[in-house]
Amino acid sequence: TCAGDKDLRREVAGLLACDNPGDSFIQSPAIEIAAKAMAAEPLTEASGKPVGTLITDSQIGAYQILSPLGRGGMGEVHLALDTRLGRKVAVKLLPAEFTTDASRVRRFAQEARTASALNHPNIITIHEIGETATENGSLRYIVTEYVEGETLRQRIARAPQQRIEPPEAIDIASQIAAA
């Protein structure tokens, strides 16, 4: 494969020498690795931790918060009603404790910019990014389209032995790769 390219061969050999076969991602199917990674981040409903930032019926600008949807490493996501256009949206909130962390704020804004630069059926549409004052400082948020349905984490959780059948897993992986 290196076609006589000694530098490339040396680089490949060096990478292979660093591989720890016991920890190799090749030893397990990708869907299994993804399922384990996602299982490590429980949904709000299963986490036992209250959402905490907002309560139902709060208002952020034109968005009336209806209910929590989930929680992840970069924030909490709530179902909301866009009162201007009468549509459901998802509002992602950067946790209050991160609003003073310049690196987290930068990553939060970068997430919105990255997603908004893309246009694909498998990537959500960003409607707005903003910041609003609260009694404890400020609150940063991203408003996206709301896609009703089951999350991949939920689908895996309800699968027998938490394993999706290969044809469905391939279909899901194809959609992710296309996005």
N, C-alpha and C. Protein backbone atom coordinates (compact mmCIF):
# COMPACT_ATOMS: atom_id res chain seq x y z
N THR A 1 0.82 -1.20 0.00
CA THR A 1 0.00 0.00 0.00
C THR A 1 0.86 1.26 0.00
N CYS A 2 1.98 1.21 0.65
CA CYS A 2 2.84 2.40 0.71
C CYS A 2 3.55 2.66 -0.62
N ALA A 3 3.51 1.70 -1.54
CA ALA A 3 4.08 1.85 -2.89
C ALA A 3 5.51 2.40 -2.89
N GLY A 4 6.34 1.84 -2.06
CA GLY A 4 7.73 2.25 -2.04
C GLY A 4 8.02 3.54 -1.28
N ASP A 5 7.01 4.14 -0.68
CA ASP A 5 7.18 5.39 0.08
C ASP A 5 7.68 5.02 1.49
N LYS A 6 9.00 5.13 1.69
CA LYS A 6 9.61 4.71 2.95
C LYS A 6 9.13 5.54 4.14
N ASP A 7 8.94 6.84 3.94
CA ASP A 7 8.47 7.70 5.04
C ASP A 7 7.06 7.30 5.48
N LEU A 8 6.19 7.06 4.51
CA LEU A 8 4.83 6.64 4.83
C LEU A 8 4.84 5.30 5.54
N ARG A 9 5.65 4.36 5.05
CA ARG A 9 5.74 3.04 5.68
C ARG A 9 6.22 3.17 7.13
N ARG A 10 7.22 4.01 7.37
CA ARG A 10 7.76 4.21 8.71
C ARG A 10 6.67 4.78 9.62
N GLU A 11 5.90 5.74 9.09
CA GLU A 11 4.84 6.36 9.88
C GLU A 11 3.75 5.34 10.23
N VAL A 12 3.35 4.54 9.25
CA VAL A 12 2.33 3.51 9.50
C VAL A 12 2.85 2.49 10.50
N ALA A 13 4.08 2.05 10.33
CA ALA A 13 4.67 1.08 11.26
C ALA A 13 4.72 1.65 12.67
N GLY A 14 5.04 2.94 12.78
CA GLY A 14 5.08 3.58 14.10
C GLY A 14 3.70 3.64 14.74
N LEU A 15 2.70 3.94 13.95
CA LEU A 15 1.33 3.97 14.48
C LEU A 15 0.87 2.59 14.92
N LEU A 16 1.19 1.58 14.12
CA LEU A 16 0.81 0.22 14.49
C LEU A 16 1.54 -0.24 15.74
N ALA A 17 2.79 0.18 15.92
CA ALA A 17 3.56 -0.20 17.09
C ALA A 17 2.96 0.40 18.36
N CYS A 18 2.30 1.55 18.23
CA CYS A 18 1.69 2.21 19.39
C CYS A 18 0.34 1.63 19.76
N ASP A 19 -0.21 0.82 18.88
CA ASP A 19 -1.54 0.27 19.11
C ASP A 19 -1.49 -0.74 20.25
N ASN A 20 -2.42 -0.61 21.19
CA ASN A 20 -2.56 -1.56 22.28
C ASN A 20 -3.71 -2.50 21.92
N PRO A 21 -3.43 -3.73 21.51
CA PRO A 21 -4.49 -4.62 21.05
C PRO A 21 -5.62 -4.81 22.05
N GLY A 22 -5.34 -4.76 23.34
CA GLY A 22 -6.38 -4.94 24.35
C GLY A 22 -7.38 -3.80 24.35
N ASP A 23 -6.98 -2.61 23.93
CA ASP A 23 -7.86 -1.45 23.95
C ASP A 23 -8.29 -1.02 22.55
N SER A 24 -8.01 -1.82 21.55
CA SER A 24 -8.25 -1.40 20.17
C SER A 24 -9.73 -1.26 19.88
N PHE A 25 -10.09 -0.16 19.23
CA PHE A 25 -11.48 0.04 18.83
C PHE A 25 -11.90 -1.00 17.81
N ILE A 26 -10.95 -1.61 17.12
CA ILE A 26 -11.27 -2.59 16.10
C ILE A 26 -11.78 -3.89 16.74
N GLN A 27 -11.50 -4.09 18.00
CA GLN A 27 -11.91 -5.32 18.68
C GLN A 27 -13.41 -5.40 18.92
N SER A 28 -14.12 -4.27 18.86
CA SER A 28 -15.56 -4.24 19.10
C SER A 28 -16.26 -3.51 17.96
N PRO A 29 -17.49 -3.93 17.65
CA PRO A 29 -18.23 -3.20 16.61
C PRO A 29 -18.46 -1.75 17.03
N ALA A 30 -18.44 -0.84 16.06
CA ALA A 30 -18.61 0.59 16.34
C ALA A 30 -19.91 0.88 17.06
N ILE A 31 -20.99 0.20 16.70
CA ILE A 31 -22.27 0.46 17.34
C ILE A 31 -22.22 0.09 18.81
N GLU A 32 -21.45 -0.95 19.16
CA GLU A 32 -21.31 -1.34 20.55
C GLU A 32 -20.54 -0.28 21.34
N ILE A 33 -19.49 0.26 20.75
CA ILE A 33 -18.71 1.31 21.39
C ILE A 33 -19.58 2.55 21.59
N ALA A 34 -20.34 2.91 20.55
CA ALA A 34 -21.23 4.08 20.65
C ALA A 34 -22.28 3.87 21.72
N ALA A 35 -22.84 2.68 21.78
CA ALA A 35 -23.87 2.40 22.79
C ALA A 35 -23.30 2.53 24.19
N LYS A 36 -22.10 2.03 24.40
CA LYS A 36 -21.48 2.13 25.73
C LYS A 36 -21.19 3.58 26.09
N ALA A 37 -20.72 4.35 25.12
CA ALA A 37 -20.42 5.76 25.37
C ALA A 37 -21.68 6.53 25.70
N MET A 38 -22.75 6.26 24.97
CA MET A 38 -24.00 6.96 25.22
C MET A 38 -24.63 6.52 26.53
N ALA A 39 -24.47 5.27 26.89
CA ALA A 39 -25.02 4.79 28.15
C ALA A 39 -24.33 5.45 29.33
N ALA A 40 -23.12 5.91 29.15
CA ALA A 40 -22.39 6.59 30.22
C ALA A 40 -22.96 7.97 30.50
N GLU A 41 -23.76 8.53 29.58
CA GLU A 41 -24.40 9.83 29.76
C GLU A 41 -25.90 9.61 29.88
N PRO A 42 -26.40 9.35 31.09
CA PRO A 42 -27.83 9.06 31.23
C PRO A 42 -28.70 10.24 30.88
N LEU A 43 -29.90 9.94 30.42
CA LEU A 43 -30.88 10.97 30.14
C LEU A 43 -31.32 11.63 31.43
N THR A 44 -31.89 12.80 31.31
CA THR A 44 -32.38 13.51 32.48
C THR A 44 -33.33 12.64 33.28
N GLU A 45 -34.25 11.95 32.58
CA GLU A 45 -35.25 11.16 33.27
C GLU A 45 -34.61 10.07 34.12
N ALA A 46 -33.52 9.50 33.64
CA ALA A 46 -32.88 8.40 34.33
C ALA A 46 -31.79 8.84 35.28
N SER A 47 -31.36 10.08 35.17
CA SER A 47 -30.19 10.51 35.94
C SER A 47 -30.49 10.75 37.40
N GLY A 48 -31.75 11.06 37.70
CA GLY A 48 -32.08 11.37 39.08
C GLY A 48 -31.72 12.79 39.46
N LYS A 49 -30.97 13.49 38.60
CA LYS A 49 -30.59 14.87 38.90
C LYS A 49 -31.65 15.80 38.35
N PRO A 50 -32.11 16.75 39.14
CA PRO A 50 -33.09 17.68 38.61
C PRO A 50 -32.46 18.55 37.53
N VAL A 51 -33.28 18.98 36.58
CA VAL A 51 -32.77 19.82 35.51
C VAL A 51 -32.24 21.12 36.08
N GLY A 52 -33.01 21.75 36.94
CA GLY A 52 -32.50 22.84 37.75
C GLY A 52 -32.40 24.22 37.16
N THR A 53 -31.97 24.38 35.93
CA THR A 53 -31.76 25.73 35.42
C THR A 53 -33.08 26.48 35.26
N LEU A 54 -34.04 25.84 34.65
CA LEU A 54 -35.33 26.48 34.43
C LEU A 54 -36.45 25.56 34.89
N ILE A 55 -37.59 26.15 35.15
CA ILE A 55 -38.75 25.35 35.45
C ILE A 55 -39.77 25.55 34.34
N THR A 56 -40.69 24.63 34.25
CA THR A 56 -41.72 24.72 33.23
C THR A 56 -42.41 26.07 33.32
N ASP A 57 -42.81 26.60 32.19
CA ASP A 57 -43.50 27.88 32.06
C ASP A 57 -42.58 29.09 32.23
N SER A 58 -41.26 28.89 32.26
CA SER A 58 -40.34 30.03 32.23
C SER A 58 -40.33 30.58 30.82
N GLN A 59 -39.82 31.78 30.67
CA GLN A 59 -39.77 32.44 29.37
C GLN A 59 -38.36 32.92 29.10
N ILE A 60 -37.85 32.63 27.90
CA ILE A 60 -36.58 33.18 27.44
C ILE A 60 -36.92 33.90 26.15
N GLY A 61 -36.93 35.20 26.19
CA GLY A 61 -37.31 35.96 25.00
C GLY A 61 -38.69 35.54 24.54
N ALA A 62 -38.80 35.12 23.30
CA ALA A 62 -40.08 34.70 22.73
C ALA A 62 -40.37 33.22 22.94
N TYR A 63 -39.53 32.55 23.72
CA TYR A 63 -39.66 31.11 23.88
C TYR A 63 -40.19 30.75 25.27
N GLN A 64 -41.34 30.09 25.29
CA GLN A 64 -41.93 29.64 26.55
C GLN A 64 -41.47 28.21 26.79
N ILE A 65 -40.76 27.98 27.89
CA ILE A 65 -40.23 26.66 28.21
C ILE A 65 -41.39 25.76 28.65
N LEU A 66 -41.50 24.59 28.01
CA LEU A 66 -42.59 23.67 28.32
C LEU A 66 -42.16 22.51 29.19
N SER A 67 -41.05 21.85 28.83
CA SER A 67 -40.61 20.69 29.61
C SER A 67 -39.16 20.34 29.28
N PRO A 68 -38.48 19.65 30.21
CA PRO A 68 -37.10 19.23 29.93
C PRO A 68 -37.10 18.06 28.95
N LEU A 69 -36.09 18.03 28.08
CA LEU A 69 -35.94 16.92 27.14
C LEU A 69 -34.74 16.05 27.49
N GLY A 70 -33.66 16.66 27.95
CA GLY A 70 -32.47 15.88 28.25
C GLY A 70 -31.33 16.76 28.73
N ARG A 71 -30.23 16.08 29.06
CA ARG A 71 -29.06 16.75 29.59
C ARG A 71 -27.82 16.08 29.03
N GLY A 72 -26.82 16.89 28.73
CA GLY A 72 -25.55 16.35 28.22
C GLY A 72 -24.40 17.15 28.77
N GLY A 73 -23.22 16.90 28.24
CA GLY A 73 -22.02 17.56 28.73
C GLY A 73 -22.00 19.06 28.52
N MET A 74 -22.69 19.54 27.49
CA MET A 74 -22.66 20.98 27.20
C MET A 74 -23.97 21.68 27.54
N GLY A 75 -24.88 21.03 28.22
CA GLY A 75 -26.07 21.74 28.61
C GLY A 75 -27.32 20.91 28.77
N GLU A 76 -28.39 21.63 29.01
CA GLU A 76 -29.71 21.04 29.18
C GLU A 76 -30.56 21.45 27.99
N VAL A 77 -31.41 20.54 27.54
CA VAL A 77 -32.27 20.83 26.40
C VAL A 77 -33.72 20.77 26.87
N HIS A 78 -34.48 21.80 26.47
CA HIS A 78 -35.89 21.90 26.85
C HIS A 78 -36.77 22.04 25.63
N LEU A 79 -37.95 21.49 25.70
CA LEU A 79 -38.96 21.73 24.70
C LEU A 79 -39.56 23.09 25.01
N ALA A 80 -39.74 23.90 23.98
CA ALA A 80 -40.28 25.24 24.18
C ALA A 80 -41.24 25.58 23.05
N LEU A 81 -42.02 26.61 23.28
CA LEU A 81 -42.94 27.11 22.27
C LEU A 81 -42.44 28.47 21.80
N ASP A 82 -42.22 28.59 20.50
CA ASP A 82 -41.87 29.87 19.90
C ASP A 82 -43.18 30.64 19.80
N THR A 83 -43.37 31.62 20.69
CA THR A 83 -44.65 32.33 20.75
C THR A 83 -44.88 33.24 19.55
N ARG A 84 -43.82 33.60 18.84
CA ARG A 84 -43.98 34.44 17.65
C ARG A 84 -44.54 33.64 16.48
N LEU A 85 -44.04 32.41 16.30
CA LEU A 85 -44.42 31.62 15.13
C LEU A 85 -45.33 30.45 15.48
N GLY A 86 -45.60 30.24 16.77
CA GLY A 86 -46.51 29.17 17.19
C GLY A 86 -46.00 27.78 16.88
N ARG A 87 -44.70 27.56 16.99
CA ARG A 87 -44.13 26.25 16.71
C ARG A 87 -43.30 25.77 17.90
N LYS A 88 -43.15 24.46 17.99
CA LYS A 88 -42.30 23.88 19.02
C LYS A 88 -40.84 24.00 18.57
N VAL A 89 -39.97 24.30 19.53
CA VAL A 89 -38.54 24.38 19.29
C VAL A 89 -37.83 23.69 20.44
N ALA A 90 -36.55 23.44 20.26
CA ALA A 90 -35.71 22.93 21.34
C ALA A 90 -34.79 24.07 21.76
N VAL A 91 -34.67 24.28 23.07
CA VAL A 91 -33.79 25.33 23.60
C VAL A 91 -32.71 24.64 24.42
N LYS A 92 -31.46 24.80 23.98
CA LYS A 92 -30.32 24.25 24.70
C LYS A 92 -29.72 25.35 25.55
N LEU A 93 -29.55 25.06 26.82
CA LEU A 93 -29.02 26.05 27.77
C LEU A 93 -27.65 25.63 28.26
N LEU A 94 -26.72 26.57 28.23
CA LEU A 94 -25.42 26.32 28.82
C LEU A 94 -25.61 26.41 30.33
N PRO A 95 -25.17 25.41 31.09
CA PRO A 95 -25.35 25.46 32.54
C PRO A 95 -24.76 26.74 33.14
N ALA A 96 -25.45 27.28 34.13
CA ALA A 96 -25.05 28.54 34.75
C ALA A 96 -23.60 28.53 35.23
N GLU A 97 -23.15 27.40 35.74
CA GLU A 97 -21.77 27.33 36.26
C GLU A 97 -20.72 27.44 35.16
N PHE A 98 -21.13 27.28 33.89
CA PHE A 98 -20.19 27.38 32.78
C PHE A 98 -20.18 28.77 32.13
N THR A 99 -21.10 29.63 32.48
CA THR A 99 -21.20 30.93 31.80
C THR A 99 -20.00 31.83 32.08
N THR A 100 -19.25 31.56 33.12
CA THR A 100 -18.06 32.36 33.42
C THR A 100 -16.78 31.69 32.89
N ASP A 101 -16.92 30.50 32.30
CA ASP A 101 -15.79 29.77 31.73
C ASP A 101 -15.69 30.13 30.25
N ALA A 102 -14.74 30.98 29.90
CA ALA A 102 -14.61 31.48 28.53
C ALA A 102 -14.47 30.35 27.52
N SER A 103 -13.77 29.30 27.88
CA SER A 103 -13.58 28.16 26.98
C SER A 103 -14.91 27.46 26.69
N ARG A 104 -15.71 27.25 27.71
CA ARG A 104 -17.01 26.58 27.51
C ARG A 104 -17.96 27.47 26.70
N VAL A 105 -17.95 28.75 26.99
CA VAL A 105 -18.81 29.68 26.25
C VAL A 105 -18.41 29.69 24.78
N ARG A 106 -17.11 29.67 24.51
CA ARG A 106 -16.60 29.65 23.14
C ARG A 106 -17.03 28.36 22.43
N ARG A 107 -16.91 27.22 23.11
CA ARG A 107 -17.31 25.93 22.52
C ARG A 107 -18.81 25.89 22.26
N PHE A 108 -19.60 26.45 23.17
CA PHE A 108 -21.05 26.50 23.03
C PHE A 108 -21.42 27.29 21.78
N ALA A 109 -20.82 28.46 21.61
CA ALA A 109 -21.08 29.29 20.43
C ALA A 109 -20.57 28.61 19.17
N GLN A 110 -19.42 27.94 19.26
CA GLN A 110 -18.86 27.24 18.10
C GLN A 110 -19.79 26.11 17.65
N GLU A 111 -20.40 25.42 18.59
CA GLU A 111 -21.37 24.37 18.27
C GLU A 111 -22.50 24.93 17.42
N ALA A 112 -23.03 26.08 17.82
CA ALA A 112 -24.13 26.71 17.07
C ALA A 112 -23.66 27.16 15.70
N ARG A 113 -22.49 27.78 15.62
CA ARG A 113 -21.98 28.24 14.33
C ARG A 113 -21.74 27.08 13.37
N THR A 114 -21.17 26.01 13.89
CA THR A 114 -20.88 24.84 13.06
C THR A 114 -22.17 24.24 12.51
N ALA A 115 -23.14 24.01 13.38
CA ALA A 115 -24.41 23.42 12.93
C ALA A 115 -25.15 24.35 11.98
N SER A 116 -25.07 25.66 12.21
CA SER A 116 -25.81 26.59 11.36
C SER A 116 -25.19 26.72 9.97
N ALA A 117 -23.93 26.34 9.84
CA ALA A 117 -23.26 26.41 8.54
C ALA A 117 -23.61 25.23 7.65
N LEU A 118 -24.30 24.24 8.22
CA LEU A 118 -24.62 23.03 7.48
C LEU A 118 -26.10 23.00 7.10
N ASN A 119 -26.39 22.35 5.98
CA ASN A 119 -27.77 22.22 5.55
C ASN A 119 -27.96 20.79 5.07
N HIS A 120 -28.56 19.96 5.91
CA HIS A 120 -28.77 18.55 5.60
C HIS A 120 -29.97 18.05 6.38
N PRO A 121 -30.77 17.15 5.81
CA PRO A 121 -31.95 16.65 6.52
C PRO A 121 -31.64 15.97 7.86
N ASN A 122 -30.42 15.48 8.03
CA ASN A 122 -30.06 14.79 9.27
C ASN A 122 -29.34 15.68 10.27
N ILE A 123 -29.33 16.99 10.02
CA ILE A 123 -28.70 17.94 10.93
C ILE A 123 -29.75 19.00 11.28
N ILE A 124 -29.93 19.24 12.58
CA ILE A 124 -30.95 20.20 13.00
C ILE A 124 -30.62 21.61 12.52
N THR A 125 -31.67 22.39 12.36
CA THR A 125 -31.53 23.78 11.94
C THR A 125 -31.43 24.66 13.18
N ILE A 126 -30.46 25.55 13.19
CA ILE A 126 -30.30 26.51 14.28
C ILE A 126 -31.16 27.73 13.94
N HIS A 127 -32.03 28.12 14.88
CA HIS A 127 -32.87 29.29 14.68
C HIS A 127 -32.26 30.55 15.30
N GLU A 128 -31.61 30.37 16.45
CA GLU A 128 -31.10 31.54 17.17
C GLU A 128 -30.08 31.12 18.21
N ILE A 129 -29.14 32.01 18.50
CA ILE A 129 -28.23 31.86 19.62
C ILE A 129 -28.32 33.16 20.39
N GLY A 130 -28.33 33.07 21.70
CA GLY A 130 -28.49 34.29 22.47
C GLY A 130 -28.02 34.20 23.90
N GLU A 131 -28.16 35.33 24.56
CA GLU A 131 -27.79 35.45 25.98
C GLU A 131 -28.83 36.34 26.63
N THR A 132 -29.25 35.97 27.81
CA THR A 132 -30.23 36.77 28.53
C THR A 132 -29.79 36.90 29.98
N ALA A 133 -30.13 38.02 30.59
CA ALA A 133 -29.75 38.26 31.98
C ALA A 133 -30.69 37.50 32.92
N THR A 134 -30.12 37.00 34.00
CA THR A 134 -30.90 36.35 35.06
C THR A 134 -30.48 36.97 36.38
N GLU A 135 -31.18 36.58 37.45
CA GLU A 135 -30.82 37.13 38.76
C GLU A 135 -29.44 36.67 39.22
N ASN A 136 -28.94 35.55 38.64
CA ASN A 136 -27.62 35.02 39.02
C ASN A 136 -26.54 35.32 37.99
N GLY A 137 -26.80 36.19 37.06
CA GLY A 137 -25.80 36.49 36.02
C GLY A 137 -26.45 36.46 34.66
N SER A 138 -25.93 35.59 33.78
CA SER A 138 -26.49 35.50 32.44
C SER A 138 -26.73 34.04 32.08
N LEU A 139 -27.54 33.86 31.06
CA LEU A 139 -27.89 32.53 30.58
C LEU A 139 -27.68 32.53 29.07
N ARG A 140 -26.89 31.60 28.57
CA ARG A 140 -26.64 31.48 27.14
C ARG A 140 -27.48 30.33 26.61
N TYR A 141 -28.01 30.50 25.40
CA TYR A 141 -28.90 29.48 24.85
C TYR A 141 -28.78 29.39 23.34
N ILE A 142 -29.17 28.22 22.83
CA ILE A 142 -29.25 27.97 21.40
C ILE A 142 -30.67 27.46 21.15
N VAL A 143 -31.35 28.05 20.17
CA VAL A 143 -32.70 27.60 19.81
C VAL A 143 -32.60 26.86 18.48
N THR A 144 -33.10 25.63 18.45
CA THR A 144 -33.06 24.80 17.25
C THR A 144 -34.45 24.29 16.90
N GLU A 145 -34.54 23.72 15.72
CA GLU A 145 -35.79 23.05 15.38
C GLU A 145 -35.99 21.92 16.37
N TYR A 146 -37.24 21.58 16.62
CA TYR A 146 -37.56 20.45 17.49
C TYR A 146 -37.94 19.28 16.60
N VAL A 147 -37.26 18.17 16.76
CA VAL A 147 -37.55 16.97 15.99
C VAL A 147 -38.18 15.96 16.94
N GLU A 148 -39.44 15.69 16.71
CA GLU A 148 -40.16 14.78 17.59
C GLU A 148 -39.73 13.35 17.28
N GLY A 149 -39.63 12.56 18.31
CA GLY A 149 -39.31 11.15 18.11
C GLY A 149 -38.35 10.64 19.16
N GLU A 150 -37.88 9.46 18.90
CA GLU A 150 -37.03 8.74 19.83
C GLU A 150 -35.56 9.08 19.56
N THR A 151 -34.80 9.25 20.63
CA THR A 151 -33.36 9.47 20.46
C THR A 151 -32.67 8.14 20.20
N LEU A 152 -31.47 8.19 19.69
CA LEU A 152 -30.71 6.96 19.47
C LEU A 152 -30.48 6.25 20.80
N ARG A 153 -30.20 7.00 21.84
CA ARG A 153 -29.99 6.43 23.17
C ARG A 153 -31.23 5.66 23.63
N GLN A 154 -32.41 6.25 23.41
CA GLN A 154 -33.65 5.58 23.79
C GLN A 154 -33.88 4.33 22.95
N ARG A 155 -33.57 4.40 21.66
CA ARG A 155 -33.76 3.25 20.77
C ARG A 155 -32.87 2.10 21.21
N ILE A 156 -31.63 2.39 21.53
CA ILE A 156 -30.70 1.35 21.97
C ILE A 156 -31.16 0.78 23.30
N ALA A 157 -31.63 1.63 24.20
CA ALA A 157 -32.06 1.17 25.52
C ALA A 157 -33.24 0.20 25.44
N ARG A 158 -34.13 0.38 24.48
CA ARG A 158 -35.29 -0.52 24.40
C ARG A 158 -35.05 -1.74 23.52
N ALA A 159 -33.89 -1.81 22.87
CA ALA A 159 -33.56 -2.96 22.04
C ALA A 159 -33.24 -4.17 22.94
N PRO A 160 -33.55 -5.37 22.44
CA PRO A 160 -33.19 -6.56 23.23
C PRO A 160 -31.70 -6.56 23.53
N GLN A 161 -31.38 -6.71 24.80
CA GLN A 161 -29.99 -6.70 25.28
C GLN A 161 -29.24 -5.43 24.86
N GLN A 162 -29.99 -4.36 24.64
CA GLN A 162 -29.45 -3.07 24.24
C GLN A 162 -28.56 -3.18 23.01
N ARG A 163 -28.98 -4.02 22.06
CA ARG A 163 -28.25 -4.20 20.80
C ARG A 163 -29.23 -4.08 19.65
N ILE A 164 -28.97 -3.14 18.77
CA ILE A 164 -29.80 -2.94 17.59
C ILE A 164 -29.36 -3.96 16.54
N GLU A 165 -30.32 -4.50 15.81
CA GLU A 165 -30.01 -5.46 14.75
C GLU A 165 -29.15 -4.80 13.67
N PRO A 166 -28.24 -5.56 13.07
CA PRO A 166 -27.31 -4.99 12.08
C PRO A 166 -27.96 -4.17 10.96
N PRO A 167 -29.05 -4.62 10.33
CA PRO A 167 -29.61 -3.78 9.25
C PRO A 167 -30.04 -2.39 9.75
N GLU A 168 -30.65 -2.33 10.93
CA GLU A 168 -31.05 -1.03 11.48
C GLU A 168 -29.83 -0.21 11.87
N ALA A 169 -28.83 -0.86 12.45
CA ALA A 169 -27.60 -0.17 12.85
C ALA A 169 -26.90 0.41 11.62
N ILE A 170 -26.88 -0.34 10.53
CA ILE A 170 -26.26 0.15 9.29
C ILE A 170 -27.03 1.34 8.75
N ASP A 171 -28.37 1.27 8.81
CA ASP A 171 -29.19 2.38 8.34
C ASP A 171 -28.91 3.65 9.16
N ILE A 172 -28.84 3.49 10.48
CA ILE A 172 -28.56 4.62 11.36
C ILE A 172 -27.16 5.18 11.08
N ALA A 173 -26.19 4.28 10.98
CA ALA A 173 -24.81 4.72 10.72
C ALA A 173 -24.70 5.43 9.37
N SER A 174 -25.44 4.97 8.39
CA SER A 174 -25.43 5.61 7.06
C SER A 174 -25.98 7.02 7.13
N GLN A 175 -27.06 7.19 7.91
CA GLN A 175 -27.64 8.53 8.07
C GLN A 175 -26.67 9.46 8.79
N ILE A 176 -25.99 8.95 9.81
CA ILE A 176 -25.01 9.75 10.55
C ILE A 176 -23.85 10.13 9.62
N ALA A 177 -23.37 9.15 8.86
CA ALA A 177 -22.25 9.42 7.94
C ALA A 177 -22.65 10.43 6.86
N ALA A 178 -23.89 10.32 6.37
CA ALA A 178 -24.36 11.27 5.36
C ALA A 178 -24.39 12.68 5.92
N ALA A 179 -24.81 12.81 7.18
CA ALA A 179 -24.87 14.12 7.81
C ALA A 179 -23.47 14.67 7.98
